[in-house]
């Protein structure tokens, strides 16, 4: 990250961040293969590239201080590349999302918006963003999450585990919340927080985007975090 001082919107501590949780709910019978139904982004609808930001720009995402360490618990990769650590490669950034494939609205919208944000960045920066989607519905998602997330972002990776304690340990430092329950009639209902999380190469959570944030703001935040302000 550039040594240029970034002005930030700051939220102090986990408790304050948890107040911002925006739950996504979805009820379904559990027999759909959502991995084949994801919506991809048409190339000709991508807005202009964001390659610089003003010196005095305030990051659109939420910054917790101090930055929480989120790299203590790795999760098994569903993309065939061993465990996935929540830590970017040196000089890079990682964007992490906790969701599920049967989500009817928030998850596909979030992945779509992130896809557009990456396309709005200079290609040499976008390729340095590692996207990881973690399933909070492993009973249904473990075989199909990789296909789902790569239908949005081809080089994205999928992570998940059937061990509820390990999943909870990975989600807790992010402030991610979720609940999966089965009703009396067999319907599976899921609630989860709709945040996207940006992690640096030290395994620190440096930025949190709430659901619905504009893709241009996401692109500008990432460019700013990379320290490529040309102004």
Foldseek 3Di string as FASTA:
>chain_A
DDPQDAAEAEDEDLVRVLVVFDKAKDKDLLPDQLLVVADEDDPVVQDAADQADDSHDYQPFYFYPPFFFQFPAWFAWLVPDGTHGLAFAVLAKEKEEEEARRRDPLVSQVLQLQLSLLVNYDVVRSVRYAYEYEYPCCVRPSNRVQSNSCSHPVRHIYGYDPPPVSVCSNCVRVSKDKDWDADPVNMIMMMIGRKMFMHYNVNTTGGIDHGPDGSNSVNNNSSVVSVRHPD
